[in-house]
Amino acid sequence: MIWEAEFWVAVAFVIFLAGLLYLGVHRTITDTLDKRSSRIQSELDEAARLKNEAMALLAEYRQKTANAEKEAADIIEAAKADAGRLAEEAHAKLEDFVARRTKMAETKIAQAEAQALAEVRNIAADVAASAAEKVLSLTAKGAVAEQLIARGIDDVKKKLN
């Protein structure tokens, strides 16, 4: 067995392994693997943290977008309401203006009618008085006639005015 090559290969292999153990290569390899494992774990933790931050930012931006859309809808709704209110106010003001103008025109017409009626009454009174004066002057003579004429003229003027 000593003379066989496999024996010496095995002995060399055992010596090689013992040398590696003596030199602490196994600790170096373990430390290197541990460092690499911890580095990979820290990178995974960092990636998870970044993913969580990205998800939080995405949720925040979605919330801001939803809020902005709601605010825009509220602004549009308020603008529509204001426009409707302004249109109603303008319509009400227009109706009020037309009503005032109509009332003013009716007042002017009523004043003109009253003035025309007064003028017609005055003219009618004057004509009636003149007619009565002529009729009485032709039918009645003397002081009695003058007294009747004056009283009749006064009565006609009072009744017509």
Foldseek 3Di string as FASTA:
>chain_A
DVPDPVVVVVVVVVVVVVVCVVVVVVVVVVVVVVVVVVVVVVVVVVVVVVVVVVVVVVVVVVVVVVVVVVVVVVVVVVVVVVVVVVVVVVVVVVVVVVVVVVVVVVVVVVVVVVVVLLVVLVVVLVVVLVVLLVVLPVVPDDPVSVVVSVVVSVVSNVVSD
